[in-house]
Every structure is written in C-alpha cells, then in structure tokens.
Amino acid sequence: NDKIFNKNKALQILENNFKKVIQIERIKLITSTKNIPFDENFVLSGLNLAFLGHYFNKEIDLYKNLYNWPDGIFSKISDSKIQKIPGKNLIENLQIPKNIKNIYILGNLSKNGKKFIEEYFKLNTFHFDLPFASIFEIKKSIPKINFTNNDIIFLTLPTPKQEQIAKHISENNSYYKIFCIGGAINMLCGDEKSVPKFMEKN
C-alpha cells in the first residue's frame, strides 16, 4: 500500500542519505575534468546510486585519495546545482597531461574499444582482461605491473568491484591514477547503446 511503498517517501530517504554522504562523510567531489588531480595519486569513481548503495552496504570504503565525479541521477536527488557528468562524457573530455605516456585498461574490453582509446588519446594502450569472478579471484588475476607517474589506469568492472580493485592497486603501488569507468568505453566505441539523451539531462 501507499504507506509502505510510497515513491516520494523512498526518494526522500534516498535524498537524505545522499546529502549525508556529501555533507558529513569524506566525499571529495570533482565537478569538472579540469580539476582531476593528475599531479598526485588518485582513484576517481562516479557518485551514483550504485556507488551509494554499495557504500551503505559497507562494500566500498572512503579513503584518502578517492575522489568522485557527479554521475547517475545526481541532480535529481539533490538541491545542488552541480552538473551531472555521464561516464562517457568524462572520458571524452579528459585533458590528459603531456607526461602521461601509457594507458592500462583492466577488465572487459573489446578490440573495438581498445582501438577507440588508442586513436582517441594517441597513447600506448595496454589491455588486460580480468575474470568474471569473486573479488579474491580478480585480485589474483591483476598483472604484475610497476605503474609509474606516466601511467593512467582505466578499470572497466562493475561497481563495487572496480572500486575494490582500485583500492587494492592503490595499496600496492607507489604511483596510481585510476579511473573507475565501468562500461563507458563500450558506449563510446558503439559496442553498447548509450543512455537516452533525456536521462543524461539534469
């Protein structure tokens, strides 16, 4: 009935939880690709319903170098004026510094997707597939790479696994610049249909 399954009530609870994370917790929000901290170590992930849900289920941790960009239905559940940035738009508008020489893509990626990234960014691009498995098995499958300050990493796993793997990489490397981008490359290269335009609007 309406008292239990009330859409407005559910959205209000969701909005309150959302504001709690933004205002009380340690969320560091990046609202423009120009503000990505390429001069330091970072993990960047979309702040969306999936992220929030897994955060409240304690499957995602907030830690020092984790940043978020406003993704999902961000502006629909907040009175903030911050503009939403779909994942594919984030990648399209990346301003990669000249010192970056290599892109490592960990996770699912088609040949078409790899070719797209190579041609779009004109950088050395390396892909390492990761299994559809438990987080323990995925960690064991991560290639032994000594990441440098000249590398960036795209993780194409679903949330929360990509955030969990990003944290694992950050704990085991001196240098890391990690983007948790899920299926954004698949959309950009045409392997998957993009989200309808009306759902991308604020």
C-alpha atoms as a PDB file:
ATOM      1  CA  ASN A   1       0.000   0.000   0.000  1.00  0.00           C
ATOM      2  CA  ASP A   2       0.941   3.693  -0.250  1.00  0.00           C
ATOM      3  CA  LYS A   3       2.099   3.904   3.346  1.00  0.00           C
ATOM      4  CA  ILE A   4       4.736   1.229   2.771  1.00  0.00           C
ATOM      5  CA  PHE A   5       5.511   1.550  -0.940  1.00  0.00           C
ATOM      6  CA  ASN A   6       5.439   5.327  -1.246  1.00  0.00           C
ATOM      7  CA  LYS A   7       7.600   6.683  -4.090  1.00  0.00           C
ATOM      8  CA  ASN A   8       8.016  10.164  -2.593  1.00  0.00           C
ATOM      9  CA  LYS A   9       8.954   8.745   0.802  1.00  0.00           C
ATOM     10  CA  ALA A  10      11.514   6.408  -0.770  1.00  0.00           C
ATOM     11  CA  LEU A  11      13.034   9.268  -2.769  1.00  0.00           C
ATOM     12  CA  GLN A  12      13.184  11.436   0.337  1.00  0.00           C
ATOM     13  CA  ILE A  13      15.072   8.726   2.223  1.00  0.00           C
ATOM     14  CA  LEU A  14      17.428   8.366  -0.731  1.00  0.00           C
ATOM     15  CA  GLU A  15      17.998  12.118  -0.898  1.00  0.00           C
ATOM     16  CA  ASN A  16      18.685  12.333   2.830  1.00  0.00           C
ATOM     17  CA  ASN A  17      21.241   9.538   2.577  1.00  0.00           C
ATOM     18  CA  PHE A  18      22.799  11.214  -0.439  1.00  0.00           C
ATOM     19  CA  LYS A  19      23.175  14.524   1.382  1.00  0.00           C
ATOM     20  CA  LYS A  20      24.630  12.747   4.405  1.00  0.00           C
ATOM     21  CA  VAL A  21      27.390  11.254   2.263  1.00  0.00           C
ATOM     22  CA  ILE A  22      28.165  14.592   0.589  1.00  0.00           C
ATOM     23  CA  GLN A  23      27.995  16.800   3.685  1.00  0.00           C
ATOM     24  CA  ILE A  24      29.106  14.568   6.546  1.00  0.00           C
ATOM     25  CA  GLU A  25      31.269  11.843   5.056  1.00  0.00           C
ATOM     26  CA  ARG A  26      34.624  12.291   3.336  1.00  0.00           C
ATOM     27  CA  ILE A  27      33.431  12.528  -0.258  1.00  0.00           C
ATOM     28  CA  LYS A  28      35.723  14.663  -2.428  1.00  0.00           C
ATOM     29  CA  LEU A  29      33.708  15.728  -5.458  1.00  0.00           C
ATOM     30  CA  ILE A  30      35.304  16.711  -8.766  1.00  0.00           C
ATOM     31  CA  THR A  31      32.831  18.714 -10.843  1.00  0.00           C
ATOM     32  CA  SER A  32      34.975  19.268 -13.941  1.00  0.00           C
ATOM     33  CA  THR A  33      37.550  17.210 -15.830  1.00  0.00           C
ATOM     34  CA  LYS A  34      39.824  20.251 -15.461  1.00  0.00           C
ATOM     35  CA  ASN A  35      40.009  19.561 -11.716  1.00  0.00           C
ATOM     36  CA  ILE A  36      41.267  15.965 -11.851  1.00  0.00           C
ATOM     37  CA  PRO A  37      44.416  15.901  -9.653  1.00  0.00           C
ATOM     38  CA  PHE A  38      46.853  14.437 -12.195  1.00  0.00           C
ATOM     39  CA  ASP A  39      49.778  15.739 -10.144  1.00  0.00           C
ATOM     40  CA  GLU A  40      49.050  13.258  -7.339  1.00  0.00           C
ATOM     41  CA  ASN A  41      47.863   9.702  -6.776  1.00  0.00           C
ATOM     42  CA  PHE A  42      44.109   9.320  -7.109  1.00  0.00           C
ATOM     43  CA  VAL A  43      41.179   6.978  -7.672  1.00  0.00           C
ATOM     44  CA  LEU A  44      38.192   8.554  -9.447  1.00  0.00           C
ATOM     45  CA  SER A  45      34.739   6.938  -9.417  1.00  0.00           C
ATOM     46  CA  GLY A  46      31.224   8.025 -10.342  1.00  0.00           C
ATOM     47  CA  LEU A  47      28.990   9.109  -7.470  1.00  0.00           C
ATOM     48  CA  ASN A  48      25.743   7.398  -8.437  1.00  0.00           C
ATOM     49  CA  LEU A  49      23.094   5.117  -6.976  1.00  0.00           C
ATOM     50  CA  ALA A  50      25.259   2.014  -7.387  1.00  0.00           C
ATOM     51  CA  PHE A  51      28.156   3.651  -5.535  1.00  0.00           C
ATOM     52  CA  LEU A  52      25.878   4.889  -2.744  1.00  0.00           C
ATOM     53  CA  GLY A  53      24.133   1.541  -2.357  1.00  0.00           C
ATOM     54  CA  HIS A  54      27.385  -0.395  -2.052  1.00  0.00           C
ATOM     55  CA  TYR A  55      28.837   2.272   0.225  1.00  0.00           C
ATOM     56  CA  PHE A  56      25.927   1.954   2.659  1.00  0.00           C
ATOM     57  CA  ASN A  57      26.323  -1.841   2.477  1.00  0.00           C
ATOM     58  CA  LYS A  58      29.975  -1.319   3.514  1.00  0.00           C
ATOM     59  CA  GLU A  59      31.291  -2.800   0.255  1.00  0.00           C
ATOM     60  CA  ILE A  60      33.068   0.436  -0.697  1.00  0.00           C
ATOM     61  CA  ASP A  61      35.406   2.363   1.587  1.00  0.00           C
ATOM     62  CA  LEU A  62      36.137   6.073   1.513  1.00  0.00           C
ATOM     63  CA  TYR A  63      39.857   6.717   1.775  1.00  0.00           C
ATOM     64  CA  LYS A  64      42.398   9.499   1.366  1.00  0.00           C
ATOM     65  CA  ASN A  65      42.901   9.550  -2.404  1.00  0.00           C
ATOM     66  CA  LEU A  66      39.402   8.534  -3.514  1.00  0.00           C
ATOM     67  CA  TYR A  67      37.539  11.188  -5.496  1.00  0.00           C
ATOM     68  CA  ASN A  68      34.103  11.114  -7.141  1.00  0.00           C
ATOM     69  CA  TRP A  69      32.525  12.845 -10.087  1.00  0.00           C
ATOM     70  CA  PRO A  70      28.738  13.586 -10.150  1.00  0.00           C
ATOM     71  CA  ASP A  71      27.235  10.692 -12.095  1.00  0.00           C
ATOM     72  CA  GLY A  72      23.874   8.872 -12.184  1.00  0.00           C
ATOM     73  CA  ILE A  73      20.792  10.863 -11.186  1.00  0.00           C
ATOM     74  CA  PHE A  74      22.909  13.206  -9.074  1.00  0.00           C
ATOM     75  CA  SER A  75      20.927  16.384  -9.663  1.00  0.00           C
ATOM     76  CA  LYS A  76      17.579  14.587  -9.393  1.00  0.00           C
ATOM     77  CA  ILE A  77      18.047  13.778  -5.695  1.00  0.00           C
ATOM     78  CA  SER A  78      19.914  16.841  -4.549  1.00  0.00           C
ATOM     79  CA  ASP A  79      19.141  20.552  -4.441  1.00  0.00           C
ATOM     80  CA  SER A  80      22.707  21.102  -5.603  1.00  0.00           C
ATOM     81  CA  LYS A  81      23.322  22.982  -8.854  1.00  0.00           C
ATOM     82  CA  ILE A  82      26.227  20.702  -9.762  1.00  0.00           C
ATOM     83  CA  GLN A  83      26.017  19.373 -13.299  1.00  0.00           C
ATOM     84  CA  LYS A  84      25.887  15.633 -13.843  1.00  0.00           C
ATOM     85  CA  ILE A  85      28.767  14.102 -15.852  1.00  0.00           C
ATOM     86  CA  PRO A  86      27.970  10.780 -17.573  1.00  0.00           C
ATOM     87  CA  GLY A  87      30.954   8.414 -17.604  1.00  0.00           C
ATOM     88  CA  LYS A  88      31.373   8.538 -21.380  1.00  0.00           C
ATOM     89  CA  ASN A  89      31.428  12.352 -21.241  1.00  0.00           C
ATOM     90  CA  LEU A  90      34.126  12.200 -18.594  1.00  0.00           C
ATOM     91  CA  ILE A  91      36.326  10.115 -20.901  1.00  0.00           C
ATOM     92  CA  GLU A  92      35.544  12.269 -23.964  1.00  0.00           C
ATOM     93  CA  ASN A  93      36.583  15.438 -22.118  1.00  0.00           C
ATOM     94  CA  LEU A  94      39.678  14.137 -20.345  1.00  0.00           C
ATOM     95  CA  GLN A  95      42.602  16.534 -20.646  1.00  0.00           C
ATOM     96  CA  ILE A  96      45.478  14.136 -20.146  1.00  0.00           C
ATOM     97  CA  PRO A  97      48.786  15.824 -19.217  1.00  0.00           C
ATOM     98  CA  LYS A  98      51.733  15.537 -21.600  1.00  0.00           C
ATOM     99  CA  ASN A  99      53.750  13.483 -19.117  1.00  0.00           C
ATOM    100  CA  ILE A 100      51.257  10.583 -19.408  1.00  0.00           C
ATOM    101  CA  LYS A 101      52.610   8.020 -21.863  1.00  0.00           C
ATOM    102  CA  ASN A 102      50.602   4.846 -21.209  1.00  0.00           C
ATOM    103  CA  ILE A 103      47.004   3.813 -20.636  1.00  0.00           C
ATOM    104  CA  TYR A 104      46.352   0.480 -18.925  1.00  0.00           C
ATOM    105  CA  ILE A 105      42.829  -0.895 -19.204  1.00  0.00           C
ATOM    106  CA  LEU A 106      41.968  -3.623 -16.700  1.00  0.00           C
ATOM    107  CA  GLY A 107      38.723  -5.514 -17.169  1.00  0.00           C
ATOM    108  CA  ASN A 108      36.367  -6.225 -20.051  1.00  0.00           C
ATOM    109  CA  LEU A 109      37.255  -4.514 -23.323  1.00  0.00           C
ATOM    110  CA  SER A 110      36.622  -5.386 -26.962  1.00  0.00           C
ATOM    111  CA  LYS A 111      39.156  -4.944 -29.780  1.00  0.00           C
ATOM    112  CA  ASN A 112      36.939  -2.125 -30.995  1.00  0.00           C
ATOM    113  CA  GLY A 113      37.129  -0.457 -27.574  1.00  0.00           C
ATOM    114  CA  LYS A 114      40.914  -0.722 -27.404  1.00  0.00           C
ATOM    115  CA  LYS A 115      41.253   0.699 -30.905  1.00  0.00           C
ATOM    116  CA  PHE A 116      38.977   3.596 -29.972  1.00  0.00           C
ATOM    117  CA  ILE A 117      41.086   4.525 -26.932  1.00  0.00           C
ATOM    118  CA  GLU A 118      44.346   4.232 -28.886  1.00  0.00           C
ATOM    119  CA  GLU A 119      43.093   6.512 -31.645  1.00  0.00           C
ATOM    120  CA  TYR A 120      41.309   8.954 -29.328  1.00  0.00           C
ATOM    121  CA  PHE A 121      44.190   9.619 -26.925  1.00  0.00           C
ATOM    122  CA  LYS A 122      47.152   8.735 -29.176  1.00  0.00           C
ATOM    123  CA  LEU A 123      48.908   6.964 -26.280  1.00  0.00           C
ATOM    124  CA  ASN A 124      50.337   3.489 -25.750  1.00  0.00           C
ATOM    125  CA  THR A 125      47.325   1.392 -24.717  1.00  0.00           C
ATOM    126  CA  PHE A 126      47.538  -1.964 -22.973  1.00  0.00           C
ATOM    127  CA  HIS A 127      44.563  -4.172 -22.112  1.00  0.00           C
ATOM    128  CA  PHE A 128      44.496  -6.922 -19.502  1.00  0.00           C
ATOM    129  CA  ASP A 129      41.286  -8.897 -19.179  1.00  0.00           C
ATOM    130  CA  LEU A 130      40.041  -9.697 -15.678  1.00  0.00           C
ATOM    131  CA  PRO A 131      37.734 -12.640 -14.905  1.00  0.00           C
ATOM    132  CA  PHE A 132      34.071 -12.504 -14.026  1.00  0.00           C
ATOM    133  CA  ALA A 133      34.721 -13.912 -10.569  1.00  0.00           C
ATOM    134  CA  SER A 134      34.945 -13.147  -6.861  1.00  0.00           C
ATOM    135  CA  ILE A 135      36.957 -10.155  -5.749  1.00  0.00           C
ATOM    136  CA  PHE A 136      39.559 -12.581  -4.365  1.00  0.00           C
ATOM    137  CA  GLU A 137      39.993 -14.244  -7.768  1.00  0.00           C
ATOM    138  CA  ILE A 138      40.108 -10.900  -9.567  1.00  0.00           C
ATOM    139  CA  LYS A 139      42.880  -9.644  -7.277  1.00  0.00           C
ATOM    140  CA  LYS A 140      44.929 -12.744  -8.095  1.00  0.00           C
ATOM    141  CA  SER A 141      44.492 -12.032 -11.820  1.00  0.00           C
ATOM    142  CA  ILE A 142      45.810  -8.459 -11.745  1.00  0.00           C
ATOM    143  CA  PRO A 143      49.012  -8.333 -13.819  1.00  0.00           C
ATOM    144  CA  LYS A 144      52.301  -7.536 -12.091  1.00  0.00           C
ATOM    145  CA  ILE A 145      52.876  -4.042 -13.410  1.00  0.00           C
ATOM    146  CA  ASN A 146      55.121  -1.442 -11.818  1.00  0.00           C
ATOM    147  CA  PHE A 147      52.896   1.562 -12.504  1.00  0.00           C
ATOM    148  CA  THR A 148      54.693   4.892 -12.807  1.00  0.00           C
ATOM    149  CA  ASN A 149      53.723   8.541 -12.706  1.00  0.00           C
ATOM    150  CA  ASN A 150      53.465   8.374 -16.511  1.00  0.00           C
ATOM    151  CA  ASP A 151      50.602   5.853 -16.497  1.00  0.00           C
ATOM    152  CA  ILE A 152      46.852   6.026 -16.067  1.00  0.00           C
ATOM    153  CA  ILE A 153      44.575   3.072 -15.384  1.00  0.00           C
ATOM    154  CA  PHE A 154      41.007   2.569 -16.597  1.00  0.00           C
ATOM    155  CA  LEU A 155      39.001  -0.062 -14.705  1.00  0.00           C
ATOM    156  CA  THR A 156      36.023  -1.404 -16.666  1.00  0.00           C
ATOM    157  CA  LEU A 157      34.494  -3.601 -13.966  1.00  0.00           C
ATOM    158  CA  PRO A 158      31.045  -3.088 -12.438  1.00  0.00           C
ATOM    159  CA  THR A 159      30.639  -1.308  -9.110  1.00  0.00           C
ATOM    160  CA  PRO A 160      31.658  -2.224  -6.377  1.00  0.00           C
ATOM    161  CA  LYS A 161      34.365  -4.495  -7.805  1.00  0.00           C
ATOM    162  CA  GLN A 162      36.105  -1.731  -9.706  1.00  0.00           C
ATOM    163  CA  GLU A 163      36.327   0.409  -6.562  1.00  0.00           C
ATOM    164  CA  GLN A 164      37.562  -2.559  -4.544  1.00  0.00           C
ATOM    165  CA  ILE A 165      40.219  -3.378  -7.150  1.00  0.00           C
ATOM    166  CA  ALA A 166      41.210   0.299  -7.345  1.00  0.00           C
ATOM    167  CA  LYS A 167      41.802   0.329  -3.597  1.00  0.00           C
ATOM    168  CA  HIS A 168      43.839  -2.880  -3.868  1.00  0.00           C
ATOM    169  CA  ILE A 169      46.026  -1.349  -6.596  1.00  0.00           C
ATOM    170  CA  SER A 170      46.438   1.867  -4.587  1.00  0.00           C
ATOM    171  CA  GLU A 171      47.637  -0.093  -1.578  1.00  0.00           C
ATOM    172  CA  ASN A 172      50.239  -1.992  -3.589  1.00  0.00           C
ATOM    173  CA  ASN A 173      51.708   0.707  -5.836  1.00  0.00           C
ATOM    174  CA  SER A 174      53.690   3.881  -5.206  1.00  0.00           C
ATOM    175  CA  TYR A 175      52.039   5.597  -8.185  1.00  0.00           C
ATOM    176  CA  TYR A 176      48.458   5.304  -9.407  1.00  0.00           C
ATOM    177  CA  LYS A 177      45.984   7.363 -11.406  1.00  0.00           C
ATOM    178  CA  ILE A 178      42.877   5.207 -11.606  1.00  0.00           C
ATOM    179  CA  PHE A 179      39.548   5.831 -13.335  1.00  0.00           C
ATOM    180  CA  CYS A 180      36.638   3.531 -12.421  1.00  0.00           C
ATOM    181  CA  ILE A 181      34.642   3.897 -15.634  1.00  0.00           C
ATOM    182  CA  GLY A 182      32.550   0.728 -15.935  1.00  0.00           C
ATOM    183  CA  GLY A 183      31.076   0.415 -19.433  1.00  0.00           C
ATOM    184  CA  ALA A 184      31.887   3.959 -20.636  1.00  0.00           C
ATOM    185  CA  ILE A 185      34.344   2.818 -23.318  1.00  0.00           C
ATOM    186  CA  ASN A 186      31.825   0.316 -24.688  1.00  0.00           C
ATOM    187  CA  MET A 187      29.331   3.150 -25.148  1.00  0.00           C
ATOM    188  CA  LEU A 188      31.881   5.483 -26.724  1.00  0.00           C
ATOM    189  CA  CYS A 189      33.038   2.954 -29.299  1.00  0.00           C
ATOM    190  CA  GLY A 190      29.492   1.827 -30.154  1.00  0.00           C
ATOM    191  CA  ASP A 191      29.628  -1.668 -28.634  1.00  0.00           C
ATOM    192  CA  GLU A 192      26.779  -0.723 -26.291  1.00  0.00           C
ATOM    193  CA  LYS A 193      23.927   1.704 -26.797  1.00  0.00           C
ATOM    194  CA  SER A 194      24.332   4.975 -24.956  1.00  0.00           C
ATOM    195  CA  VAL A 195      21.854   6.052 -22.321  1.00  0.00           C
ATOM    196  CA  PRO A 196      18.980   8.049 -23.925  1.00  0.00           C
ATOM    197  CA  LYS A 197      19.681  11.790 -24.022  1.00  0.00           C
ATOM    198  CA  PHE A 198      16.712  12.646 -21.802  1.00  0.00           C
ATOM    199  CA  MET A 199      18.251  10.526 -18.991  1.00  0.00           C
ATOM    200  CA  GLU A 200      21.545  12.408 -19.262  1.00  0.00           C
ATOM    201  CA  LYS A 201      19.930  15.774 -18.706  1.00  0.00           C
ATOM    202  CA  ASN A 202      19.816  17.399 -15.285  1.00  0.00           C
END
